[in-house]
Amino acid sequence: MDAPLRLISTNPLDQLARTVEALLVIASAPLTVAELAAAAADDAERVEAALGLIGERYREGRSGIVLEHVAGGWAFRASRDAAEACARLVEKPAQRNLSQASLETLAIVAYLGPCSRPDIARIRGVSADSAVANLLERGLIAEAGRDDPSIGGAIKYRTTPLFERIFGLESLSALPRLDDIGADTDEIRERLHAVAEKRTA
């Protein structure tokens, strides 16, 4: 005897949730509610309701895939339980362990950016060329203009949406707060390094 067919809900909101789920699966970057509404040709409020349904279905401890609000939009990520296995399979360069120099540089750009290589070098006390090149290659930072474009000033750098997504940040405002950014250079460096290490532990 054939197995019974699984019934699919014909509720309009359930149908929209399935559409939004498919959009999130094929997207290469987090999607905003507005982008999801436009692609689904539906109302933003209904899309938010659909995201609520999807979030309940894909939540930590219930599914190997988790829906999260990150980098200004919505995206799926692997659950904590499955993250290690996924990393072994995919092993994206941006997610491999960062060196101490790269961690320090990334923290400086995240907290103080846009900032230039000379700015970073002043805080770290050593050249930032190699660390900046490494972070650019991984897609964690990007160029953000120059100190003084009229005279060909130093290139400035900012973090990217990929950085926010990998570190699980809705935006840079979600970074842990530093108690006193006005301390001396060594203390700022130590605090920035400590925060960066904590985010990648």
Protein backbone atom coordinates (compact mmCIF):
# COMPACT_ATOMS: atom_id res chain seq x y z
CA MET A 1 0.00 0.00 0.00
CA ASP A 2 1.34 3.41 -0.94
CA ALA A 3 2.41 5.75 1.87
CA PRO A 4 -0.12 8.55 2.49
CA LEU A 5 0.62 11.82 0.74
CA ARG A 6 1.86 14.60 2.99
CA LEU A 7 -0.62 17.43 2.91
CA ILE A 8 0.75 20.88 2.13
CA SER A 9 -1.04 23.78 3.76
CA THR A 10 -2.97 26.03 1.41
CA ASN A 11 -3.05 28.84 3.99
CA PRO A 12 -1.87 31.99 2.14
CA LEU A 13 0.62 32.89 4.89
CA ASP A 14 2.06 29.37 4.86
CA GLN A 15 2.42 29.62 1.10
CA LEU A 16 4.22 32.96 1.45
CA ALA A 17 6.50 31.46 4.13
CA ARG A 18 7.51 28.71 1.70
CA THR A 19 8.29 31.32 -0.96
CA VAL A 20 10.34 33.42 1.47
CA GLU A 21 12.14 30.29 2.64
CA ALA A 22 13.11 29.47 -0.96
CA LEU A 23 14.34 33.04 -1.54
CA LEU A 24 16.56 32.83 1.54
CA VAL A 25 17.95 29.47 0.46
CA ILE A 26 19.06 30.69 -2.97
CA ALA A 27 20.30 34.14 -1.81
CA SER A 28 24.05 34.68 -1.61
CA ALA A 29 23.68 37.46 0.99
CA PRO A 30 21.18 38.45 3.70
CA LEU A 31 17.90 39.84 2.31
CA THR A 32 15.94 42.71 3.84
CA VAL A 33 12.19 42.56 4.36
CA ALA A 34 11.79 45.04 1.49
CA GLU A 35 13.84 42.85 -0.85
CA LEU A 36 11.90 39.75 0.16
CA ALA A 37 8.58 41.57 -0.31
CA ALA A 38 9.60 42.77 -3.77
CA ALA A 39 10.76 39.32 -4.87
CA ALA A 40 7.66 37.63 -3.46
CA ALA A 41 5.38 40.37 -4.85
CA ASP A 42 3.75 40.64 -1.45
CA ASP A 43 3.27 43.03 1.46
CA ALA A 44 6.16 43.76 3.85
CA GLU A 45 4.00 43.14 6.92
CA ARG A 46 2.99 39.73 5.62
CA VAL A 47 6.63 38.94 4.85
CA GLU A 48 7.52 39.78 8.46
CA ALA A 49 4.77 37.43 9.64
CA ALA A 50 6.10 34.74 7.30
CA LEU A 51 9.61 35.25 8.71
CA GLY A 52 8.15 34.62 12.15
CA LEU A 53 6.81 31.26 10.99
CA ILE A 54 10.12 30.36 9.38
CA GLY A 55 12.06 31.47 12.45
CA GLU A 56 10.03 29.13 14.63
CA ARG A 57 10.60 26.25 12.25
CA TYR A 58 14.33 26.95 11.95
CA ARG A 59 15.51 27.83 15.44
CA GLU A 60 18.51 26.79 17.50
CA GLY A 61 18.02 23.38 19.10
CA ARG A 62 15.23 22.40 16.73
CA SER A 63 16.90 22.46 13.32
CA GLY A 64 20.35 22.13 11.81
CA ILE A 65 19.63 25.38 9.94
CA VAL A 66 18.85 28.58 11.84
CA LEU A 67 17.17 31.76 10.60
CA GLU A 68 18.83 34.92 11.89
CA HIS A 69 18.73 38.69 11.38
CA VAL A 70 22.28 39.62 10.43
CA ALA A 71 24.11 42.30 8.41
CA GLY A 72 20.91 44.26 8.00
CA GLY A 73 18.89 41.40 6.55
CA TRP A 74 17.67 37.83 7.01
CA ALA A 75 19.69 34.71 6.24
CA PHE A 76 20.09 31.05 7.13
CA ARG A 77 23.16 29.76 8.94
CA ALA A 78 24.25 26.41 10.32
CA SER A 79 23.20 25.71 13.89
CA ARG A 80 25.90 25.67 16.56
CA ASP A 81 25.67 21.87 16.71
CA ALA A 82 26.30 21.55 12.98
CA ALA A 83 28.77 24.42 12.47
CA GLU A 84 31.95 22.37 12.92
CA ALA A 85 30.90 19.74 10.40
CA CYS A 86 29.88 22.43 7.91
CA ALA A 87 33.24 24.18 8.34
CA ARG A 88 35.06 20.92 7.54
CA LEU A 89 33.05 20.51 4.35
CA VAL A 90 33.13 24.08 3.08
CA GLU A 91 36.23 25.53 4.77
CA LYS A 92 35.75 29.03 3.39
CA PRO A 93 38.92 31.18 3.53
CA ALA A 94 37.09 33.94 5.38
CA GLN A 95 36.19 31.53 8.17
CA ARG A 96 39.59 29.98 8.76
CA ASN A 97 41.44 31.01 11.89
CA LEU A 98 42.78 34.55 11.72
CA SER A 99 46.30 35.38 12.86
CA GLN A 100 46.83 37.67 15.83
CA ALA A 101 47.87 40.50 13.47
CA SER A 102 44.72 40.03 11.38
CA LEU A 103 42.50 39.90 14.47
CA GLU A 104 43.96 43.15 15.78
CA THR A 105 43.65 44.84 12.40
CA LEU A 106 40.07 43.64 11.91
CA ALA A 107 39.06 44.87 15.37
CA ILE A 108 40.61 48.28 14.71
CA VAL A 109 38.77 48.64 11.40
CA ALA A 110 35.50 47.45 12.95
CA TYR A 111 35.66 49.89 15.86
CA LEU A 112 37.48 52.84 14.33
CA GLY A 113 36.89 52.53 10.58
CA PRO A 114 36.97 53.77 8.02
CA CYS A 115 40.67 54.01 8.77
CA SER A 116 43.89 53.81 6.78
CA ARG A 117 46.94 51.56 7.03
CA PRO A 118 48.92 54.32 8.78
CA ASP A 119 46.07 54.64 11.33
CA ILE A 120 46.13 50.89 11.93
CA ALA A 121 49.93 50.83 12.16
CA ARG A 122 49.89 53.60 14.79
CA ILE A 123 47.56 51.57 17.01
CA ARG A 124 49.27 48.22 16.48
CA GLY A 125 52.80 49.62 16.59
CA VAL A 126 53.84 47.67 13.49
CA SER A 127 53.14 47.73 9.76
CA ALA A 128 49.63 46.72 8.77
CA ASP A 129 50.31 45.92 5.11
CA SER A 130 50.25 42.12 5.36
CA ALA A 131 47.23 41.98 7.70
CA VAL A 132 45.23 44.40 5.53
CA ALA A 133 46.04 42.39 2.39
CA ASN A 134 44.93 39.19 4.17
CA LEU A 135 41.62 40.69 5.28
CA LEU A 136 40.98 42.15 1.82
CA GLU A 137 41.55 38.72 0.26
CA ARG A 138 39.09 37.13 2.69
CA GLY A 139 36.48 39.78 1.93
CA LEU A 140 36.25 40.94 5.55
CA ILE A 141 37.27 44.54 4.78
CA ALA A 142 36.97 46.75 1.70
CA GLU A 143 38.24 50.11 0.46
CA ALA A 144 36.26 53.13 1.65
CA GLY A 145 37.78 56.16 -0.05
CA ARG A 146 40.95 58.08 0.83
CA ASP A 147 42.10 60.37 3.62
CA ASP A 148 42.43 63.26 1.15
CA PRO A 149 41.39 62.34 -2.41
CA SER A 150 42.68 65.62 -3.83
CA ILE A 151 46.29 64.73 -3.02
CA GLY A 152 46.10 60.95 -3.30
CA GLY A 153 45.87 60.31 0.44
CA ALA A 154 46.06 56.89 2.06
CA ILE A 155 43.28 54.42 1.26
CA LYS A 156 40.78 53.94 4.07
CA TYR A 157 39.13 50.64 4.93
CA ARG A 158 35.82 49.52 6.42
CA THR A 159 34.37 46.16 7.34
CA THR A 160 32.01 44.39 4.91
CA PRO A 161 28.59 42.76 5.20
CA LEU A 162 30.45 39.43 5.03
CA PHE A 163 32.25 40.39 8.26
CA GLU A 164 28.91 41.13 9.94
CA ARG A 165 27.43 37.89 8.69
CA ILE A 166 30.33 35.68 9.77
CA PHE A 167 30.54 37.33 13.19
CA GLY A 168 26.76 37.18 13.64
CA LEU A 169 26.27 40.95 13.88
CA GLU A 170 23.06 42.69 12.88
CA SER A 171 25.20 45.82 12.40
CA LEU A 172 28.46 47.30 13.72
CA SER A 173 26.47 48.88 16.55
CA ALA A 174 26.07 45.35 17.92
CA LEU A 175 29.82 45.09 18.60
CA PRO A 176 30.74 44.77 22.29
CA ARG A 177 31.35 48.22 23.77
CA LEU A 178 34.82 49.28 24.86
CA ASP A 179 34.60 50.95 28.25
CA ASP A 180 37.09 53.72 27.56
CA ILE A 181 38.43 54.29 24.07
CA GLY A 182 40.49 57.24 25.37
CA ALA A 183 43.12 55.04 27.07
CA ASP A 184 46.73 54.84 25.87
CA THR A 185 47.67 53.01 22.69
CA ASP A 186 48.80 49.79 24.38
CA GLU A 187 45.57 49.51 26.35
CA ILE A 188 43.42 50.21 23.28
CA ARG A 189 45.36 47.58 21.38
CA GLU A 190 44.90 45.07 24.21
CA ARG A 191 41.17 45.77 24.46
CA LEU A 192 40.62 45.61 20.71
CA HIS A 193 42.61 42.37 20.51
CA ALA A 194 40.67 40.86 23.45
CA VAL A 195 37.33 41.70 21.84
CA ALA A 196 38.43 40.32 18.47
CA GLU A 197 39.63 37.07 20.05
CA LYS A 198 36.34 36.73 21.95
CA ARG A 199 34.32 37.15 18.73
CA THR A 200 36.25 34.33 16.99
CA ALA A 201 36.59 31.94 19.94
